Amino acid sequence: MASNSVSRVDFLKYRFVCLVFSLALIGAFIGVCVYRWQTKGYIFSYSIDFTGGAQALFKFSQPVSSQQVISILEGKGWKGVVTREFSAQELLIRVKNIDNHVGGARDIAKTMRTQLQESIWITKLISCRVKWLGLVLVLCCVGSQFMQ
């Protein structure tokens, strides 16, 4: 025998519970936004992937400190310097909003390299990969072919 019974689920029975839960989530989001605004001065922290800028991956012949690189580049006028260490000798450097460098990615990497070599006394830059974010411009470089 086939049963033609239809099961009924009363979704409206839980509408007030769902309303309270939704309002609690919205309130929590607004609370977090207010907290971040008061403590950090901004709500969202966008990376250079969204704001534009450049990133350069440098491989040096000797170990380099990321804090030292940040302080040097910020002292030279670079905005929003962020670094990521892959090893003691490899360092990814990201900078935001490169409006004053009209020479392109190659010019940015040369300027960074020069400023770092003047300040850290690095003997040799082994390799570099530069990517200009916000535009479709990628430049790969190895050894002396790039920086000379």
Protein backbone atom coordinates (compact mmCIF):
# COMPACT_ATOMS: atom_id res chain seq x y z
CA MET A 1 0.00 0.00 0.00
CA ALA A 2 1.22 3.37 -0.96
CA SER A 3 0.86 6.12 1.54
CA ASN A 4 -0.11 9.53 0.23
CA SER A 5 0.55 11.31 3.48
CA VAL A 6 2.35 14.61 3.20
CA SER A 7 4.61 15.63 6.03
CA ARG A 8 4.19 19.19 7.14
CA VAL A 9 6.90 21.20 8.79
CA ASP A 10 5.79 24.36 10.51
CA PHE A 11 8.61 26.76 9.59
CA LEU A 12 6.76 29.78 10.92
CA LYS A 13 6.78 28.25 14.37
CA TYR A 14 10.46 29.29 14.76
CA ARG A 15 10.24 32.72 13.15
CA PHE A 16 10.79 34.65 16.39
CA VAL A 17 13.81 32.54 17.33
CA CYS A 18 15.30 33.15 13.89
CA LEU A 19 14.53 36.87 14.12
CA VAL A 20 16.29 37.15 17.49
CA PHE A 21 19.27 35.15 16.20
CA SER A 22 19.55 37.34 13.08
CA LEU A 23 19.33 40.54 15.11
CA ALA A 24 22.00 39.21 17.50
CA LEU A 25 24.33 38.51 14.56
CA ILE A 26 23.76 41.99 13.11
CA GLY A 27 24.32 43.55 16.54
CA ALA A 28 27.54 41.58 17.03
CA PHE A 29 28.82 42.73 13.63
CA ILE A 30 28.05 46.37 14.42
CA GLY A 31 29.73 45.96 17.83
CA VAL A 32 32.90 44.57 16.26
CA CYS A 33 32.91 47.43 13.73
CA VAL A 34 32.61 50.04 16.49
CA TYR A 35 35.34 48.33 18.53
CA ARG A 36 37.76 48.23 15.58
CA TRP A 37 37.00 51.85 14.71
CA GLN A 38 37.75 52.99 18.27
CA THR A 39 40.86 50.87 18.80
CA LYS A 40 42.49 50.88 15.36
CA GLY A 41 40.92 53.82 13.56
CA TYR A 42 39.56 51.70 10.71
CA ILE A 43 37.06 48.90 10.28
CA PHE A 44 38.44 46.89 7.36
CA SER A 45 42.12 46.35 6.62
CA TYR A 46 42.46 45.80 2.90
CA SER A 47 45.63 44.27 1.52
CA ILE A 48 47.45 45.68 -1.49
CA ASP A 49 45.57 43.16 -3.61
CA PHE A 50 42.57 45.47 -3.28
CA THR A 51 44.21 48.87 -2.79
CA GLY A 52 46.96 48.61 -5.40
CA GLY A 53 50.70 48.71 -4.94
CA ALA A 54 53.70 46.54 -5.63
CA GLN A 55 55.35 43.52 -4.14
CA ALA A 56 58.92 42.39 -4.61
CA LEU A 57 60.43 39.07 -3.57
CA PHE A 58 64.11 39.53 -2.79
CA LYS A 59 66.63 36.78 -2.17
CA PHE A 60 69.78 38.06 -0.50
CA SER A 61 73.25 36.58 -0.09
CA GLN A 62 73.07 37.02 3.70
CA PRO A 63 70.31 36.98 6.35
CA VAL A 64 68.13 40.11 6.58
CA SER A 65 65.78 41.19 9.37
CA SER A 66 62.25 42.06 8.29
CA GLN A 67 61.86 44.74 11.00
CA GLN A 68 65.05 46.39 9.81
CA VAL A 69 63.79 46.43 6.21
CA ILE A 70 60.43 47.91 7.25
CA SER A 71 62.06 50.72 9.23
CA ILE A 72 64.48 51.52 6.39
CA LEU A 73 61.83 51.65 3.67
CA GLU A 74 59.34 53.61 5.78
CA GLY A 75 62.14 56.04 6.61
CA LYS A 76 62.76 56.47 2.89
CA GLY A 77 59.10 57.38 2.26
CA TRP A 78 57.49 54.09 1.22
CA LYS A 79 53.88 53.80 2.42
CA GLY A 80 52.32 50.71 3.96
CA VAL A 81 55.40 48.48 3.97
CA VAL A 82 54.55 44.87 4.85
CA THR A 83 57.08 42.05 4.79
CA ARG A 84 56.89 38.29 4.91
CA GLU A 85 59.91 36.12 5.58
CA PHE A 86 60.21 32.87 3.64
CA SER A 87 63.68 32.13 5.00
CA ALA A 88 66.47 34.11 6.63
CA GLN A 89 67.58 35.24 3.18
CA GLU A 90 64.25 35.54 1.30
CA LEU A 91 61.93 38.43 1.97
CA LEU A 92 58.69 39.48 0.30
CA ILE A 93 58.20 43.25 0.50
CA ARG A 94 54.81 44.82 -0.21
CA VAL A 95 54.21 48.56 -0.51
CA LYS A 96 50.91 50.37 -1.07
CA ASN A 97 49.91 53.06 -3.55
CA ILE A 98 52.90 53.62 -5.80
CA ASP A 99 51.72 56.84 -7.45
CA ASN A 100 55.03 58.68 -7.62
CA HIS A 101 56.95 55.87 -9.37
CA VAL A 102 56.11 56.29 -13.03
CA GLY A 103 58.97 54.08 -14.22
CA GLY A 104 57.03 50.91 -13.52
CA ALA A 105 57.89 47.78 -11.59
CA ARG A 106 61.51 47.70 -12.71
CA ASP A 107 62.06 51.23 -11.34
CA ILE A 108 60.39 50.33 -8.04
CA ALA A 109 62.61 47.28 -7.53
CA LYS A 110 65.75 49.22 -8.45
CA THR A 111 64.85 51.96 -5.99
CA MET A 112 64.11 49.44 -3.22
CA ARG A 113 67.33 47.57 -3.91
CA THR A 114 69.43 50.74 -3.88
CA GLN A 115 67.90 51.99 -0.65
CA LEU A 116 68.32 48.63 1.06
CA GLN A 117 71.91 48.22 -0.10
CA GLU A 118 72.80 51.72 1.12
CA SER A 119 71.30 51.09 4.55
CA ILE A 120 71.97 47.41 5.26
CA TRP A 121 75.22 47.05 3.30
CA ILE A 122 74.03 43.97 1.49
CA THR A 123 76.78 42.64 -0.69
CA LYS A 124 74.68 40.91 -3.32
CA LEU A 125 71.06 40.63 -4.34
CA ILE A 126 70.73 37.13 -5.75
CA SER A 127 67.29 37.27 -7.35
CA CYS A 128 64.11 39.26 -7.42
CA ARG A 129 60.50 38.94 -8.58
CA VAL A 130 58.38 42.07 -8.81
CA LYS A 131 54.62 42.21 -9.22
CA TRP A 132 52.63 45.41 -9.63
CA LEU A 133 49.25 44.73 -8.07
CA GLY A 134 46.17 46.43 -9.41
CA LEU A 135 47.59 46.24 -12.92
CA VAL A 136 48.52 43.19 -14.95
CA LEU A 137 52.27 43.74 -14.89
CA VAL A 138 54.65 41.03 -13.75
CA LEU A 139 58.41 41.20 -14.04
CA CYS A 140 60.69 38.29 -13.25
CA CYS A 141 64.37 38.87 -12.74
CA VAL A 142 67.41 36.81 -11.90
CA GLY A 143 70.84 38.00 -10.77
CA SER A 144 72.71 40.60 -12.75
CA GLN A 145 70.31 40.53 -15.74
CA PHE A 146 67.76 42.53 -13.78
CA MET A 147 69.47 45.27 -11.85
CA GLN A 148 72.28 46.40 -14.15
